[in-house]
Protein backbone atom coordinates (compact mmCIF):
# COMPACT_ATOMS: atom_id res chain seq x y z
CA MET A 1 0.00 0.00 0.00
CA ILE A 2 1.15 3.54 -0.80
CA ASN A 3 0.78 6.10 1.99
CA THR A 4 -0.25 9.26 0.15
CA VAL A 5 -0.96 12.95 0.82
CA ILE A 6 -2.51 15.53 -1.49
CA ILE A 7 -1.56 19.22 -1.45
CA ASP A 8 -3.80 21.51 -3.52
CA ASP A 9 -5.30 24.92 -2.84
CA GLU A 10 -8.66 23.93 -4.40
CA PRO A 11 -10.80 21.61 -2.19
CA ILE A 12 -12.75 20.42 -5.24
CA ASN A 13 -9.49 19.25 -6.85
CA ILE A 14 -8.57 17.30 -3.72
CA SER A 15 -12.02 15.71 -3.68
CA ASN A 16 -11.92 14.79 -7.38
CA LEU A 17 -8.43 13.31 -7.19
CA SER A 18 -9.30 11.37 -4.03
CA GLN A 19 -12.30 9.84 -5.77
CA LEU A 20 -10.29 8.90 -8.86
CA LEU A 21 -7.61 7.25 -6.70
CA LYS A 22 -10.22 5.36 -4.69
CA VAL A 23 -11.81 3.92 -7.84
CA HIS A 24 -8.80 3.39 -10.12
CA CYS A 25 -5.73 3.09 -7.87
CA THR A 26 -6.59 0.81 -4.95
CA GLU A 27 -2.94 0.64 -3.82
CA ILE A 28 -3.26 4.23 -2.62
CA ILE A 29 -4.14 5.14 0.98
CA ILE A 30 -4.78 8.88 1.41
CA SER A 31 -3.64 9.75 4.92
CA ALA A 32 -3.99 13.54 4.74
CA SER A 33 -4.51 16.57 2.52
CA GLY A 34 -3.61 20.26 2.71
CA SER A 35 -4.68 23.44 0.96
CA ASN A 36 -1.41 25.40 0.97
CA ALA A 37 2.36 25.00 1.21
CA GLU A 38 2.50 25.67 4.95
CA GLU A 39 -0.06 22.95 5.69
CA GLY A 40 1.63 20.70 3.16
CA GLU A 41 5.01 20.93 4.88
CA LYS A 42 3.50 20.01 8.26
CA ILE A 43 1.51 17.13 6.74
CA ILE A 44 4.54 15.69 4.96
CA LEU A 45 6.69 15.87 8.11
CA LYS A 46 3.96 14.26 10.23
CA ASN A 47 2.73 11.51 7.89
CA LYS A 48 6.04 10.58 6.21
CA PRO A 49 4.26 9.63 2.98
CA ASP A 50 5.45 7.37 0.19
CA LEU A 51 3.81 9.65 -2.37
CA VAL A 52 2.81 13.33 -2.56
CA PHE A 53 0.38 14.70 -5.15
CA LEU A 54 1.49 18.31 -5.29
CA ASP A 55 -0.21 21.25 -6.99
CA ILE A 56 2.39 23.52 -8.55
CA GLN A 57 0.59 26.85 -8.52
CA MET A 58 -0.61 27.83 -5.03
CA PRO A 59 -0.90 31.25 -3.35
CA VAL A 60 1.94 32.66 -1.19
CA LYS A 61 4.26 29.69 -1.79
CA ASN A 62 4.07 27.34 -4.78
CA GLY A 63 4.74 23.60 -4.92
CA PHE A 64 8.39 23.99 -5.90
CA GLU A 65 9.02 26.35 -2.99
CA LEU A 66 7.34 23.86 -0.66
CA LEU A 67 9.78 21.16 -1.77
CA GLN A 68 12.74 23.51 -1.33
CA SER A 69 11.72 24.09 2.30
CA LEU A 70 12.07 20.37 3.13
CA GLN A 71 15.20 18.51 4.22
CA ASP A 72 14.09 14.91 3.59
CA TYR A 73 12.97 13.71 0.16
CA SER A 74 12.29 10.05 0.89
CA PHE A 75 9.00 10.15 -1.01
CA GLU A 76 7.84 10.25 -4.61
CA VAL A 77 6.13 13.30 -6.10
CA ILE A 78 3.50 13.54 -8.82
CA PHE A 79 2.92 17.18 -9.73
CA VAL A 80 -0.59 18.29 -10.63
CA THR A 81 -1.16 21.52 -12.53
CA ALA A 82 -3.68 23.29 -14.73
CA PHE A 83 -0.90 25.12 -16.59
CA ASP A 84 1.14 23.26 -19.19
CA LYS A 85 3.99 25.77 -19.13
CA TYR A 86 4.12 26.52 -15.40
CA GLY A 87 7.39 24.94 -14.38
CA ILE A 88 6.75 21.85 -16.49
CA GLN A 89 9.99 22.27 -18.42
CA ALA A 90 11.97 21.82 -15.18
CA VAL A 91 9.81 18.86 -14.20
CA LYS A 92 10.44 17.21 -17.57
CA PHE A 93 14.18 17.72 -17.25
CA ALA A 94 14.08 16.04 -13.82
CA ALA A 95 12.06 13.11 -15.25
CA ILE A 96 9.35 13.53 -12.60
CA ASP A 97 5.75 12.67 -13.44
CA TYR A 98 3.13 15.37 -13.71
CA LEU A 99 -0.59 15.42 -14.49
CA LEU A 100 -2.54 18.17 -16.17
CA LYS A 101 -5.97 19.18 -14.87
CA PRO A 102 -8.51 17.87 -15.61
CA ILE A 103 -6.79 14.60 -14.81
CA ASN A 104 -6.72 11.86 -17.41
CA ILE A 105 -7.47 8.52 -15.72
CA GLU A 106 -5.02 6.48 -17.78
CA GLU A 107 -2.21 8.96 -17.15
CA LEU A 108 -3.02 8.84 -13.43
CA LYS A 109 -2.91 5.04 -13.37
CA THR A 110 0.40 5.02 -15.24
CA ALA A 111 2.00 7.53 -12.87
CA VAL A 112 0.81 5.62 -9.78
CA LYS A 113 2.03 2.32 -11.25
CA LYS A 114 5.53 3.78 -11.58
CA VAL A 115 5.47 4.78 -7.90
CA VAL A 116 4.33 1.29 -6.84
CA GLU A 117 7.15 -0.30 -8.85
CA LYS A 118 9.74 2.09 -7.37
CA LYS A 119 8.56 1.35 -3.84
CA ALA A 120 8.70 -2.42 -4.43
CA LYS A 121 12.23 -2.12 -5.83
CA ARG A 122 13.31 0.07 -2.89
CA ASN A 123 11.93 -2.50 -0.42
CA GLN A 124 13.67 -5.33 -2.27
CA ASN A 125 16.97 -3.45 -2.10
CA LEU A 126 16.58 -2.94 1.67
CA GLN A 127 15.72 -6.60 2.13
CA LEU A 128 18.76 -7.63 0.10
CA GLU A 129 21.01 -5.30 2.12
CA ASN A 130 19.68 -6.83 5.32
CA LEU A 131 20.30 -10.35 4.00
CA ILE A 132 23.92 -9.46 3.14
CA GLN A 133 24.42 -8.12 6.68
CA LEU A 134 22.94 -11.31 8.12
CA LEU A 135 25.38 -13.41 6.11
CA LYS A 136 28.38 -11.23 6.95
CA ASN A 137 27.72 -10.93 10.68
CA ASN A 138 26.68 -14.42 11.64
CA GLN A 139 27.65 -14.04 15.31
CA GLN A 140 26.10 -10.63 15.89
CA GLU A 141 22.55 -9.71 16.76
CA HIS A 142 20.69 -9.42 13.49
CA ARG A 143 18.05 -6.89 12.62
CA ILE A 144 14.65 -8.36 11.88
CA ALA A 145 12.52 -7.06 9.00
CA LEU A 146 8.96 -6.14 10.01
CA PRO A 147 6.71 -5.35 7.01
CA SER A 148 3.78 -3.04 7.78
CA ALA A 149 1.25 -1.49 5.40
CA GLN A 150 3.47 1.57 4.92
CA GLU A 151 7.06 0.37 5.21
CA ILE A 152 9.51 -2.37 6.10
CA LYS A 153 11.02 -1.52 9.48
CA TYR A 154 14.35 -3.06 10.51
CA VAL A 155 14.81 -3.47 14.26
CA ASN A 156 17.15 -5.16 16.71
CA PRO A 157 15.44 -7.99 18.63
CA SER A 158 16.76 -6.50 21.88
CA ASP A 159 14.56 -3.43 21.27
CA ILE A 160 11.39 -5.53 21.08
CA VAL A 161 9.60 -5.78 24.42
CA ARG A 162 6.77 -8.05 23.37
CA CYS A 163 4.50 -9.20 20.55
CA GLU A 164 0.74 -9.57 20.75
CA SER A 165 -1.37 -11.63 18.36
CA SER A 166 -4.67 -10.61 16.75
CA ASN A 167 -5.81 -13.31 14.31
CA ASN A 168 -3.26 -13.26 11.47
CA TYR A 169 -1.72 -9.98 12.61
CA THR A 170 0.98 -9.27 15.20
CA THR A 171 1.54 -6.01 17.07
CA PHE A 172 5.14 -5.33 18.10
CA TYR A 173 5.82 -3.18 21.18
CA PHE A 174 9.24 -1.54 21.43
CA SER A 175 11.32 -0.25 24.32
CA SER A 176 10.98 3.25 22.84
CA GLY A 177 7.22 3.13 23.47
CA GLU A 178 6.40 2.76 19.77
CA LYS A 179 4.34 -0.06 18.34
CA LEU A 180 3.91 -1.57 14.88
CA LEU A 181 1.19 -3.75 13.35
CA VAL A 182 2.52 -6.48 11.04
CA SER A 183 0.44 -8.71 8.78
CA LYS A 184 1.97 -12.03 9.87
CA PRO A 185 0.84 -14.41 12.65
CA ILE A 186 2.70 -14.55 15.95
CA TYR A 187 3.97 -18.12 15.47
CA PHE A 188 6.05 -16.89 12.51
CA TYR A 189 7.98 -14.58 14.83
CA GLU A 190 8.14 -17.12 17.66
CA ASP A 191 10.42 -19.20 15.42
CA LEU A 192 12.51 -16.21 14.34
CA LEU A 193 13.01 -14.87 17.86
CA GLN A 194 13.56 -18.09 19.80
CA ASP A 195 17.34 -17.59 19.77
CA TYR A 196 16.98 -14.13 21.33
CA ASN A 197 15.43 -15.21 24.65
CA PHE A 198 11.79 -14.64 23.69
CA ILE A 199 9.19 -16.61 25.62
CA ARG A 200 5.76 -17.64 24.32
CA CYS A 201 3.82 -17.29 27.56
CA HIS A 202 0.36 -17.45 26.04
CA GLN A 203 -1.34 -18.15 22.73
CA SER A 204 -1.52 -14.40 22.10
CA HIS A 205 1.74 -13.22 23.70
CA LEU A 206 5.44 -13.47 22.99
CA VAL A 207 7.77 -11.58 25.34
CA ASN A 208 11.45 -10.68 25.54
CA LYS A 209 12.89 -12.23 28.71
CA LYS A 210 15.06 -9.16 29.45
CA TYR A 211 11.94 -7.05 30.09
CA ILE A 212 10.33 -9.48 32.59
CA VAL A 213 10.46 -8.34 36.23
CA SER A 214 8.75 -11.27 37.91
CA LEU A 215 6.34 -14.17 37.65
CA VAL A 216 3.34 -13.38 39.86
CA LYS A 217 1.34 -16.38 41.09
CA GLU A 218 -1.90 -14.60 42.03
CA ASP A 219 -4.83 -14.05 39.65
CA GLY A 220 -4.06 -17.25 37.83
CA GLY A 221 -0.43 -16.28 37.25
CA TYR A 222 1.02 -13.58 35.05
CA LEU A 223 4.31 -12.01 33.99
CA LEU A 224 5.01 -8.50 35.24
CA LEU A 225 7.09 -6.41 32.83
CA LYS A 226 9.30 -3.38 33.46
CA ASP A 227 6.60 -1.07 32.08
CA ASN A 228 4.08 -2.63 34.55
CA MET A 229 2.34 -4.51 31.75
CA ARG A 230 0.83 -7.82 32.88
CA LEU A 231 0.91 -10.75 30.48
CA PRO A 232 -1.21 -13.86 31.12
CA ILE A 233 0.41 -17.30 31.34
CA SER A 234 -1.18 -20.38 29.81
CA LYS A 235 -1.61 -23.26 32.26
CA GLN A 236 0.31 -25.64 30.04
CA LYS A 237 3.25 -23.23 29.87
CA ARG A 238 3.67 -22.38 33.58
CA GLU A 239 6.30 -24.97 34.40
CA SER A 240 8.36 -24.41 31.26
CA ILE A 241 8.29 -20.65 31.84
CA LYS A 242 9.45 -21.08 35.45
CA GLU A 243 12.34 -23.14 34.18
CA LEU A 244 13.24 -20.62 31.47
CA LEU A 245 13.16 -17.70 33.92
CA SER A 246 15.40 -19.54 36.37
CA LYS A 247 18.14 -19.70 33.75
CA LYS A 248 20.45 -16.76 33.07
């Protein structure tokens, strides 16, 4: 899925483009929209999009000036303009896609398809880089790739506090306080993390041993974590968990 924002000073243009994307480009998720460059800058910084649909001609500050005010360009841009000559020569030289208003559906689909292909290639490159690091550093702690709807996040297992299952999804909770929903079941990660002192204490819970404070016997038994989170313990796992916790 492509996390997308739209910046255009005409609300009707935002509405029309949103509807076209909803019908013809189902890979797109519109997370926010803005009506001027100032709003656009804040939205881009907050949402960290994969793709920005950016109107060129806007009052006070145009689309090009908005881009110049940013420091990070880790997103794709599709310019949208009603003026064929307004900055389009520069856009053509930079080989960046643009759409003329009113938007042609086939041109829109083609431009979005290019973004989807670029994102897939970028993810593949990151995955390959991670694989090379795994092969080179066999004795070190490896980063684990966690694919969410918006990105592939690479994390150290030691930064993962716990994992919680919800059907075929798993939510990861990190020591930083962040969390991430991943579209894979918890048993997939139980296998990956077993060499990093993770304990499956319950059908729905996998926890990093380093964040466990104690095993509390009352209320049916639960694990108390450093952040005061209480994780239930399955009856069939109580003895094995006691044994695991007794080991260094």
